[in-house]
């Protein structure tokens, strides 16, 4: 004989379709009742001797915004360093060497410039025009005066060399004398002030 109570009854879902009922579990262990989660669940236990978070912090000053985590405070702008120095003495020997080298360079530039200028005047025909003008003023048709004979390239170059040598001697001597005079004046007034700053 079959007992109708030994089989589970099928429950009808929406729409009239019957769904098989779940079979009852045999000897299923009952789950213990879970206690409600206490406040602060999921946090790490406090280490002995450590203050809980939120305690021991200074209260924010009125009108001051609380610091937001994750924001980096920009570094303060570095101050420009300045140093004020006095040129109290100039070494005459170093001034002599520098003045000699600079005057030699200036003499070389003078000689080269004189040669280039004479060449340009010759190529452009300036010497011939000057000869014609002087002949017209003198009243002679042929123009017996020639500027090239008086100021030839060799004469111009030698004259430029003489001027360059004189400049080397004078500039070197004057520079050394100026250094000595500056040292004497610096002992009285302290020298020239110079202010140095960082870029």
Protein backbone atom coordinates (compact mmCIF):
# COMPACT_ATOMS: atom_id res chain seq x y z
CA UNK A 1 0.00 0.00 0.00
CA UNK A 2 1.25 3.50 -0.76
CA UNK A 3 0.86 6.24 1.69
CA UNK A 4 0.23 9.63 0.17
CA UNK A 5 1.85 11.37 3.15
CA UNK A 6 5.31 9.90 2.43
CA UNK A 7 5.73 11.88 -0.80
CA UNK A 8 6.09 15.64 -0.83
CA UNK A 9 3.34 17.60 -2.32
CA UNK A 10 4.13 19.60 -5.40
CA UNK A 11 3.51 23.31 -5.13
CA UNK A 12 2.10 25.18 -8.02
CA UNK A 13 3.95 28.28 -9.09
CA UNK A 14 2.64 31.23 -10.94
CA UNK A 15 1.00 30.36 -14.15
CA UNK A 16 -0.32 27.09 -12.90
CA UNK A 17 2.90 25.12 -13.53
CA UNK A 18 3.80 22.72 -10.83
CA UNK A 19 7.33 22.69 -9.45
CA UNK A 20 8.77 19.70 -7.67
CA UNK A 21 9.29 20.29 -4.00
CA UNK A 22 12.74 19.96 -2.61
CA UNK A 23 13.39 16.71 -0.87
CA UNK A 24 13.76 17.00 2.88
CA UNK A 25 17.31 16.69 4.17
CA UNK A 26 18.03 13.78 6.37
CA UNK A 27 19.97 14.40 9.52
CA UNK A 28 21.01 17.92 8.34
CA UNK A 29 22.91 19.79 11.04
CA UNK A 30 21.17 22.89 12.20
CA UNK A 31 23.07 26.14 11.61
CA UNK A 32 23.79 28.18 14.69
CA UNK A 33 22.12 31.52 14.85
CA UNK A 34 24.38 34.36 13.79
CA UNK A 35 24.79 37.24 16.14
CA UNK A 36 24.31 40.74 14.81
CA UNK A 37 27.56 42.33 13.68
CA UNK A 38 28.96 44.64 16.26
CA UNK A 39 30.01 48.12 15.43
CA UNK A 40 33.43 48.21 13.84
CA UNK A 41 33.23 44.71 12.35
CA UNK A 42 35.91 43.97 9.78
CA UNK A 43 38.54 46.10 11.58
CA UNK A 44 41.79 44.75 12.83
CA UNK A 45 42.06 44.16 16.55
CA UNK A 46 43.81 46.89 18.41
CA UNK A 47 47.44 46.25 19.23
CA UNK A 48 48.21 46.65 22.94
CA UNK A 49 49.71 50.05 23.64
CA UNK A 50 48.38 51.58 20.42
CA UNK A 51 45.80 54.33 20.45
CA UNK A 52 42.62 53.67 18.58
CA UNK A 53 42.17 55.68 15.43
CA UNK A 54 40.62 59.06 15.85
CA UNK A 55 42.07 59.67 19.31
CA UNK A 56 45.02 61.89 20.18
CA UNK A 57 44.63 64.09 17.08
CA UNK A 58 44.55 67.85 17.38
CA UNK A 59 41.23 69.43 16.56
CA UNK A 60 41.18 71.47 13.41
CA UNK A 61 41.48 75.20 13.88
CA UNK A 62 38.35 77.23 13.13
CA UNK A 63 38.28 78.33 9.50
CA UNK A 64 40.94 75.82 8.46
CA UNK A 65 40.12 73.13 5.97
CA UNK A 66 40.88 69.58 7.01
CA UNK A 67 43.77 67.99 5.17
CA UNK A 68 42.59 65.70 2.42
CA UNK A 69 44.43 62.40 2.13
CA UNK A 70 46.28 61.77 -1.09
CA UNK A 71 47.13 65.42 -1.83
CA UNK A 72 50.81 66.36 -1.95
CA UNK A 73 51.74 69.75 -0.61
CA UNK A 74 53.91 71.67 -3.13
CA UNK A 75 57.49 72.28 -2.08
CA UNK A 76 58.30 75.84 -1.05
CA UNK A 77 60.08 77.96 -3.62
CA UNK A 78 63.80 78.13 -3.05
CA UNK A 79 65.11 81.51 -2.07
CA UNK A 80 67.59 83.23 -4.35
CA UNK A 81 70.95 83.40 -2.67
CA UNK A 82 72.91 86.60 -2.99
CA UNK A 83 76.50 87.32 -2.10
CA UNK A 84 77.99 90.80 -2.06
CA UNK A 85 81.73 90.82 -2.72
CA UNK A 86 84.36 93.53 -2.93
CA UNK A 87 87.16 93.53 -5.49
CA UNK A 88 89.78 94.84 -3.10
CA UNK A 89 92.91 93.92 -5.10
CA UNK A 90 93.84 93.21 -8.70
CA UNK A 91 96.97 91.22 -9.51
CA UNK A 92 99.13 93.39 -11.82
CA UNK A 93 100.89 90.38 -13.38
CA UNK A 94 97.62 88.77 -14.47
CA UNK A 95 96.41 92.10 -15.84
CA UNK A 96 99.68 92.43 -17.77
CA UNK A 97 99.28 89.01 -19.40
CA UNK A 98 95.65 89.54 -20.32
CA UNK A 99 96.31 93.01 -21.72
CA UNK A 100 99.24 91.74 -23.80
CA UNK A 101 97.19 88.93 -25.36
CA UNK A 102 94.24 91.19 -26.11
CA UNK A 103 96.46 93.89 -27.63
CA UNK A 104 98.20 91.31 -29.86
CA UNK A 105 94.82 90.09 -31.07
CA UNK A 106 93.78 93.69 -31.74
CA UNK A 107 97.02 94.30 -33.68
CA UNK A 108 96.41 91.26 -35.90
CA UNK A 109 92.90 92.48 -36.62
CA UNK A 110 94.28 95.92 -37.52
CA UNK A 111 96.79 94.53 -40.05
CA UNK A 112 94.23 92.23 -41.69
CA UNK A 113 91.64 95.00 -41.89
CA UNK A 114 94.14 97.37 -43.56
CA UNK A 115 95.05 94.78 -46.23
CA UNK A 116 91.40 93.92 -46.94
CA UNK A 117 90.48 97.61 -47.19
CA UNK A 118 93.27 98.33 -49.69
CA UNK A 119 92.23 95.34 -51.82
CA UNK A 120 88.59 96.44 -51.89
CA UNK A 121 89.56 100.00 -52.89
CA UNK A 122 91.75 98.66 -55.70
CA UNK A 123 89.05 96.32 -57.06
CA UNK A 124 86.36 99.00 -57.07
CA UNK A 125 88.58 101.50 -58.95
CA UNK A 126 88.69 104.11 -56.22
CA UNK A 127 92.42 104.74 -56.77
CA UNK A 128 91.87 105.56 -60.45
CA UNK A 129 89.03 107.93 -59.67
CA UNK A 130 91.18 109.73 -57.07
CA UNK A 131 94.01 110.04 -59.56
CA UNK A 132 91.64 111.54 -62.16
CA UNK A 133 90.17 113.97 -59.63
CA UNK A 134 93.61 115.17 -58.52
CA UNK A 135 94.70 115.57 -62.15
CA UNK A 136 91.62 117.67 -62.89
CA UNK A 137 92.25 119.90 -59.88
CA UNK A 138 95.92 120.31 -60.85
CA UNK A 139 94.99 121.23 -64.44
CA UNK A 140 96.87 118.45 -66.14
CA UNK A 141 95.09 116.14 -68.53
CA UNK A 142 97.35 113.17 -68.04
CA UNK A 143 97.28 113.38 -64.27
CA UNK A 144 100.87 112.81 -63.22
CA UNK A 145 99.95 111.82 -59.63
CA UNK A 146 99.31 108.10 -58.95
CA UNK A 147 97.99 107.09 -55.57
CA UNK A 148 99.01 103.45 -55.94
CA UNK A 149 102.69 104.42 -56.05
CA UNK A 150 102.41 106.46 -52.88
CA UNK A 151 100.22 103.97 -50.95
CA UNK A 152 101.03 100.56 -52.27
CA UNK A 153 99.92 97.35 -50.63
CA UNK A 154 103.33 96.72 -49.05
CA UNK A 155 103.53 100.21 -47.62
CA UNK A 156 100.02 99.97 -46.19
CA UNK A 157 100.73 96.58 -44.60
CA UNK A 158 104.02 97.77 -43.05
CA UNK A 159 102.35 100.90 -41.69
CA UNK A 160 99.58 98.76 -40.15
CA UNK A 161 102.17 96.49 -38.50
CA UNK A 162 103.96 99.47 -36.97
CA UNK A 163 100.68 100.79 -35.56
CA UNK A 164 99.82 97.33 -34.17
CA UNK A 165 103.17 97.03 -32.37
CA UNK A 166 102.81 100.50 -30.85
CA UNK A 167 99.30 99.59 -29.67
CA UNK A 168 100.56 96.39 -28.03
CA UNK A 169 103.19 98.27 -26.03
CA UNK A 170 100.94 101.14 -25.03
CA UNK A 171 97.92 99.04 -24.10
CA UNK A 172 99.99 96.61 -22.04
CA UNK A 173 101.75 99.39 -20.13
CA UNK A 174 98.56 101.35 -19.52
CA UNK A 175 96.69 98.26 -18.31
CA UNK A 176 99.38 97.39 -15.78
CA UNK A 177 99.55 100.98 -14.60
CA UNK A 178 95.76 101.02 -14.21
CA UNK A 179 95.91 97.86 -12.07
CA UNK A 180 98.50 99.42 -9.76
CA UNK A 181 96.46 102.61 -9.42
CA UNK A 182 93.33 100.60 -8.68
CA UNK A 183 95.06 98.72 -5.87
CA UNK A 184 96.16 102.01 -4.32
CA UNK A 185 92.63 103.43 -4.55
CA UNK A 186 91.08 100.21 -3.21
CA UNK A 187 93.11 100.47 -0.01
CA UNK A 188 91.43 103.82 0.62
CA UNK A 189 87.81 103.23 -0.38
CA UNK A 190 87.56 99.43 -0.14
CA UNK A 191 87.24 98.51 -3.80
CA UNK A 192 84.36 97.93 -6.21
CA UNK A 193 81.30 96.08 -4.86
CA UNK A 194 79.95 93.11 -6.82
CA UNK A 195 76.67 91.26 -6.05
CA UNK A 196 76.42 87.62 -7.17
CA UNK A 197 73.08 85.76 -7.39
CA UNK A 198 71.94 82.26 -8.37
CA UNK A 199 70.29 81.68 -11.72
